[in-house]
PDB file of all heavy atoms in Angstrom:
ATOM      1  N   ARG A   1      11.090   9.996  -0.724  1.00  0.00           N
ATOM      2  CA  ARG A   1      12.174  10.052   0.270  1.00  0.00           C
ATOM      3  C   ARG A   1      12.752   8.655   0.478  1.00  0.00           C
ATOM      4  O   ARG A   1      12.005   7.696   0.632  1.00  0.00           O
ATOM      5  CB  ARG A   1      11.636  10.585   1.615  1.00  0.00           C
ATOM      6  CG  ARG A   1      11.084  11.991   1.546  1.00  0.00           C
ATOM      7  CD  ARG A   1      12.190  13.029   1.669  1.00  0.00           C
ATOM      8  NE  ARG A   1      11.611  14.381   1.691  1.00  0.00           N
ATOM      9  CZ  ARG A   1      12.316  15.477   1.954  1.00  0.00           C
ATOM     10  NH1 ARG A   1      13.621  15.386   2.225  1.00  0.00           N
ATOM     11  NH2 ARG A   1      11.733  16.657   1.951  1.00  0.00           N
ATOM     12  N   PRO A   2      14.071   8.539   0.495  1.00  0.00           N
ATOM     13  CA  PRO A   2      14.680   7.211   0.728  1.00  0.00           C
ATOM     14  C   PRO A   2      14.325   6.674   2.117  1.00  0.00           C
ATOM     15  O   PRO A   2      14.323   7.406   3.091  1.00  0.00           O
ATOM     16  CB  PRO A   2      16.167   7.500   0.590  1.00  0.00           C
ATOM     17  CG  PRO A   2      16.330   8.970   0.872  1.00  0.00           C
ATOM     18  CD  PRO A   2      15.085   9.603   0.343  1.00  0.00           C
ATOM     19  N   GLY A   3      13.999   5.390   2.166  1.00  0.00           N
ATOM     20  CA  GLY A   3      13.698   4.748   3.415  1.00  0.00           C
ATOM     21  C   GLY A   3      12.273   4.971   3.899  1.00  0.00           C
ATOM     22  O   GLY A   3      11.911   4.489   4.975  1.00  0.00           O
ATOM     23  N   ILE A   4      11.439   5.683   3.119  1.00  0.00           N
ATOM     24  CA  ILE A   4      10.020   5.853   3.477  1.00  0.00           C
ATOM     25  C   ILE A   4       9.181   5.190   2.389  1.00  0.00           C
ATOM     26  O   ILE A   4       9.343   5.456   1.186  1.00  0.00           O
ATOM     27  CB  ILE A   4       9.652   7.331   3.597  1.00  0.00           C
ATOM     28  CG1 ILE A   4      10.523   8.008   4.640  1.00  0.00           C
ATOM     29  CG2 ILE A   4       8.174   7.474   3.962  1.00  0.00           C
ATOM     30  CD1 ILE A   4      10.209   9.510   4.850  1.00  0.00           C
ATOM     31  N   TYR A   5       8.278   4.321   2.808  1.00  0.00           N
ATOM     32  CA  TYR A   5       7.461   3.530   1.873  1.00  0.00           C
ATOM     33  C   TYR A   5       5.990   3.722   2.204  1.00  0.00           C
ATOM     34  O   TYR A   5       5.619   4.052   3.354  1.00  0.00           O
ATOM     35  CB  TYR A   5       7.847   2.074   1.953  1.00  0.00           C
ATOM     36  CG  TYR A   5       9.345   1.861   1.755  1.00  0.00           C
ATOM     37  CD1 TYR A   5      10.218   1.890   2.843  1.00  0.00           C
ATOM     38  CD2 TYR A   5       9.880   1.691   0.481  1.00  0.00           C
ATOM     39  CE1 TYR A   5      11.583   1.761   2.667  1.00  0.00           C
ATOM     40  CE2 TYR A   5      11.280   1.546   0.289  1.00  0.00           C
ATOM     41  CZ  TYR A   5      12.091   1.582   1.396  1.00  0.00           C
ATOM     42  OH  TYR A   5      13.449   1.442   1.226  1.00  0.00           O
ATOM     43  N   ALA A   6       5.128   3.504   1.234  1.00  0.00           N
ATOM     44  CA  ALA A   6       3.689   3.590   1.445  1.00  0.00           C
ATOM     45  C   ALA A   6       3.004   2.341   0.910  1.00  0.00           C
ATOM     46  O   ALA A   6       3.337   1.887  -0.189  1.00  0.00           O
ATOM     47  CB  ALA A   6       3.117   4.851   0.757  1.00  0.00           C
ATOM     48  N   VAL A   7       2.102   1.805   1.694  1.00  0.00           N
ATOM     49  CA  VAL A   7       1.352   0.569   1.299  1.00  0.00           C
ATOM     50  C   VAL A   7      -0.090   0.710   1.702  1.00  0.00           C
ATOM     51  O   VAL A   7      -0.478   1.502   2.564  1.00  0.00           O
ATOM     52  CB  VAL A   7       1.978  -0.682   2.001  1.00  0.00           C
ATOM     53  CG1 VAL A   7       3.386  -0.940   1.492  1.00  0.00           C
ATOM     54  CG2 VAL A   7       1.962  -0.527   3.502  1.00  0.00           C
ATOM     55  N   GLY A   8      -0.935  -0.085   1.039  1.00  0.00           N
ATOM     56  CA  GLY A   8      -2.327  -0.120   1.382  1.00  0.00           C
ATOM     57  C   GLY A   8      -3.131   1.035   0.818  1.00  0.00           C
ATOM     58  O   GLY A   8      -2.720   1.690  -0.147  1.00  0.00           O
ATOM     59  N   ASP A   9      -4.250   1.348   1.469  1.00  0.00           N
ATOM     60  CA  ASP A   9      -5.176   2.312   0.939  1.00  0.00           C
ATOM     61  C   ASP A   9      -4.648   3.738   0.809  1.00  0.00           C
ATOM     62  O   ASP A   9      -5.161   4.503  -0.011  1.00  0.00           O
ATOM     63  CB  ASP A   9      -6.426   2.341   1.808  1.00  0.00           C
ATOM     64  CG  ASP A   9      -7.306   1.113   1.666  1.00  0.00           C
ATOM     65  OD1 ASP A   9      -6.953   0.237   0.855  1.00  0.00           O
ATOM     66  OD2 ASP A   9      -8.335   1.009   2.376  1.00  0.00           O
ATOM     67  N   VAL A  10      -3.620   4.089   1.575  1.00  0.00           N
ATOM     68  CA  VAL A  10      -3.075   5.447   1.514  1.00  0.00           C
ATOM     69  C   VAL A  10      -2.210   5.655   0.275  1.00  0.00           C
ATOM     70  O   VAL A  10      -1.920   6.789  -0.095  1.00  0.00           O
ATOM     71  CB  VAL A  10      -2.272   5.774   2.794  1.00  0.00           C
ATOM     72  CG1 VAL A  10      -0.919   5.059   2.767  1.00  0.00           C
ATOM     73  CG2 VAL A  10      -2.119   7.259   2.999  1.00  0.00           C
ATOM     74  N   ARG A  11      -1.828   4.566  -0.354  1.00  0.00           N
ATOM     75  CA  ARG A  11      -0.951   4.651  -1.516  1.00  0.00           C
ATOM     76  C   ARG A  11      -1.725   4.946  -2.801  1.00  0.00           C
ATOM     77  O   ARG A  11      -2.759   4.327  -3.079  1.00  0.00           O
ATOM     78  CB  ARG A  11      -0.169   3.345  -1.700  1.00  0.00           C
ATOM     79  CG  ARG A  11       0.941   3.394  -2.770  1.00  0.00           C
ATOM     80  CD  ARG A  11       1.715   2.087  -2.787  1.00  0.00           C
ATOM     81  NE  ARG A  11       0.942   1.014  -3.321  1.00  0.00           N
ATOM     82  CZ  ARG A  11       0.788   0.765  -4.632  1.00  0.00           C
ATOM     83  NH1 ARG A  11       1.343   1.546  -5.538  1.00  0.00           N
ATOM     84  NH2 ARG A  11       0.039  -0.263  -5.031  1.00  0.00           N
ATOM     85  N   SER A  12      -1.260   5.906  -3.545  1.00  0.00           N
ATOM     86  CA  SER A  12      -1.909   6.278  -4.806  1.00  0.00           C
ATOM     87  C   SER A  12      -1.888   5.088  -5.793  1.00  0.00           C
ATOM     88  O   SER A  12      -0.853   4.474  -5.992  1.00  0.00           O
ATOM     89  CB  SER A  12      -1.204   7.454  -5.441  1.00  0.00           C
ATOM     90  OG  SER A  12      -1.793   7.827  -6.664  1.00  0.00           O
ATOM     91  N   GLY A  13      -3.040   4.733  -6.329  1.00  0.00           N
ATOM     92  CA  GLY A  13      -3.142   3.682  -7.302  1.00  0.00           C
ATOM     93  C   GLY A  13      -3.312   2.301  -6.731  1.00  0.00           C
ATOM     94  O   GLY A  13      -3.391   1.321  -7.463  1.00  0.00           O
ATOM     95  N   SER A  14      -3.382   2.174  -5.405  1.00  0.00           N
ATOM     96  CA  SER A  14      -3.547   0.840  -4.796  1.00  0.00           C
ATOM     97  C   SER A  14      -4.959   0.326  -4.990  1.00  0.00           C
ATOM     98  O   SER A  14      -5.912   1.089  -5.176  1.00  0.00           O
ATOM     99  CB  SER A  14      -3.236   0.912  -3.283  1.00  0.00           C
ATOM    100  OG  SER A  14      -4.201   1.686  -2.604  1.00  0.00           O
ATOM    101  N   VAL A  15      -5.072  -0.998  -4.942  1.00  0.00           N
ATOM    102  CA  VAL A  15      -6.386  -1.647  -5.000  1.00  0.00           C
ATOM    103  C   VAL A  15      -6.964  -1.671  -3.606  1.00  0.00           C
ATOM    104  O   VAL A  15      -6.330  -2.163  -2.684  1.00  0.00           O
ATOM    105  CB  VAL A  15      -6.252  -3.084  -5.532  1.00  0.00           C
ATOM    106  CG1 VAL A  15      -7.610  -3.774  -5.524  1.00  0.00           C
ATOM    107  CG2 VAL A  15      -5.658  -3.076  -6.941  1.00  0.00           C
ATOM    108  N   LYS A  16      -8.102  -1.085  -3.434  1.00  0.00           N
ATOM    109  CA  LYS A  16      -8.674  -0.937  -2.090  1.00  0.00           C
ATOM    110  C   LYS A  16      -9.376  -2.217  -1.672  1.00  0.00           C
ATOM    111  O   LYS A  16     -10.615  -2.331  -1.616  1.00  0.00           O
ATOM    112  CB  LYS A  16      -9.663   0.252  -2.064  1.00  0.00           C
ATOM    113  CG  LYS A  16      -9.079   1.568  -2.572  1.00  0.00           C
ATOM    114  CD  LYS A  16      -7.855   2.010  -1.749  1.00  0.00           C
ATOM    115  CE  LYS A  16      -7.369   3.395  -2.133  1.00  0.00           C
ATOM    116  NZ  LYS A  16      -6.473   3.453  -3.275  1.00  0.00           N
ATOM    117  N   ARG A  17      -8.567  -3.236  -1.352  1.00  0.00           N
ATOM    118  CA  ARG A  17      -9.051  -4.532  -0.871  1.00  0.00           C
ATOM    119  C   ARG A  17      -8.152  -4.999   0.267  1.00  0.00           C
ATOM    120  O   ARG A  17      -6.956  -4.696   0.304  1.00  0.00           O
ATOM    121  CB  ARG A  17      -9.025  -5.582  -1.992  1.00  0.00           C
ATOM    122  CG  ARG A  17     -10.074  -5.381  -3.072  1.00  0.00           C
ATOM    123  CD  ARG A  17     -11.490  -5.742  -2.575  1.00  0.00           C
ATOM    124  NE  ARG A  17     -12.473  -5.722  -3.631  1.00  0.00           N
ATOM    125  CZ  ARG A  17     -13.192  -4.653  -3.960  1.00  0.00           C
ATOM    126  NH1 ARG A  17     -12.998  -3.508  -3.324  1.00  0.00           N
ATOM    127  NH2 ARG A  17     -14.087  -4.731  -4.916  1.00  0.00           N
ATOM    128  N   VAL A  18      -8.709  -5.749   1.202  1.00  0.00           N
ATOM    129  CA  VAL A  18      -7.957  -6.236   2.350  1.00  0.00           C
ATOM    130  C   VAL A  18      -6.801  -7.110   1.888  1.00  0.00           C
ATOM    131  O   VAL A  18      -5.641  -6.943   2.368  1.00  0.00           O
ATOM    132  CB  VAL A  18      -8.871  -7.030   3.292  1.00  0.00           C
ATOM    133  CG1 VAL A  18      -8.052  -7.713   4.387  1.00  0.00           C
ATOM    134  CG2 VAL A  18      -9.918  -6.125   3.903  1.00  0.00           C
ATOM    135  N   ALA A  19      -7.035  -7.994   0.963  1.00  0.00           N
ATOM    136  CA  ALA A  19      -5.994  -8.905   0.519  1.00  0.00           C
ATOM    137  C   ALA A  19      -4.829  -8.176  -0.108  1.00  0.00           C
ATOM    138  O   ALA A  19      -3.646  -8.517   0.111  1.00  0.00           O
ATOM    139  CB  ALA A  19      -6.566  -9.931  -0.478  1.00  0.00           C
ATOM    140  N   SER A  20      -5.132  -7.159  -0.917  1.00  0.00           N
ATOM    141  CA  SER A  20      -4.023  -6.412  -1.557  1.00  0.00           C
ATOM    142  C   SER A  20      -3.241  -5.627  -0.517  1.00  0.00           C
ATOM    143  O   SER A  20      -1.998  -5.493  -0.604  1.00  0.00           O
ATOM    144  CB  SER A  20      -4.547  -5.463  -2.641  1.00  0.00           C
ATOM    145  OG  SER A  20      -5.439  -4.515  -2.083  1.00  0.00           O
ATOM    146  N   GLY A  21      -3.898  -5.097   0.507  1.00  0.00           N
ATOM    147  CA  GLY A  21      -3.219  -4.374   1.577  1.00  0.00           C
ATOM    148  C   GLY A  21      -2.264  -5.308   2.335  1.00  0.00           C
ATOM    149  O   GLY A  21      -1.137  -4.935   2.625  1.00  0.00           O
ATOM    150  N   VAL A  22      -2.750  -6.508   2.648  1.00  0.00           N
ATOM    151  CA  VAL A  22      -1.896  -7.501   3.324  1.00  0.00           C
ATOM    152  C   VAL A  22      -0.710  -7.857   2.445  1.00  0.00           C
ATOM    153  O   VAL A  22       0.442  -7.965   2.925  1.00  0.00           O
ATOM    154  CB  VAL A  22      -2.708  -8.749   3.686  1.00  0.00           C
ATOM    155  CG1 VAL A  22      -1.806  -9.860   4.202  1.00  0.00           C
ATOM    156  CG2 VAL A  22      -3.774  -8.407   4.741  1.00  0.00           C
ATOM    157  N   GLY A  23      -0.953  -8.034   1.146  1.00  0.00           N
ATOM    158  CA  GLY A  23       0.138  -8.388   0.242  1.00  0.00           C
ATOM    159  C   GLY A  23       1.201  -7.289   0.152  1.00  0.00           C
ATOM    160  O   GLY A  23       2.402  -7.550   0.265  1.00  0.00           O
ATOM    161  N   GLU A  24       0.754  -6.043  -0.001  1.00  0.00           N
ATOM    162  CA  GLU A  24       1.691  -4.938  -0.067  1.00  0.00           C
ATOM    163  C   GLU A  24       2.460  -4.787   1.234  1.00  0.00           C
ATOM    164  O   GLU A  24       3.693  -4.544   1.255  1.00  0.00           O
ATOM    165  CB  GLU A  24       0.957  -3.629  -0.363  1.00  0.00           C
ATOM    166  CG  GLU A  24       0.382  -3.578  -1.777  1.00  0.00           C
ATOM    167  CD  GLU A  24      -0.248  -2.222  -2.108  1.00  0.00           C
ATOM    168  OE1 GLU A  24      -0.043  -1.278  -1.339  1.00  0.00           O
ATOM    169  OE2 GLU A  24      -0.905  -2.107  -3.160  1.00  0.00           O
ATOM    170  N   GLY A  25       1.771  -4.930   2.349  1.00  0.00           N
ATOM    171  CA  GLY A  25       2.424  -4.773   3.651  1.00  0.00           C
ATOM    172  C   GLY A  25       3.503  -5.811   3.908  1.00  0.00           C
ATOM    173  O   GLY A  25       4.515  -5.533   4.572  1.00  0.00           O
TER     174      GLY A  25
END
């Protein structure tokens, strides 16, 4: 959907680490 984004652990294929979550966010 336009204007809706997903970051961190809820995102498919994300690296489940604190640093990567902060980076994506």
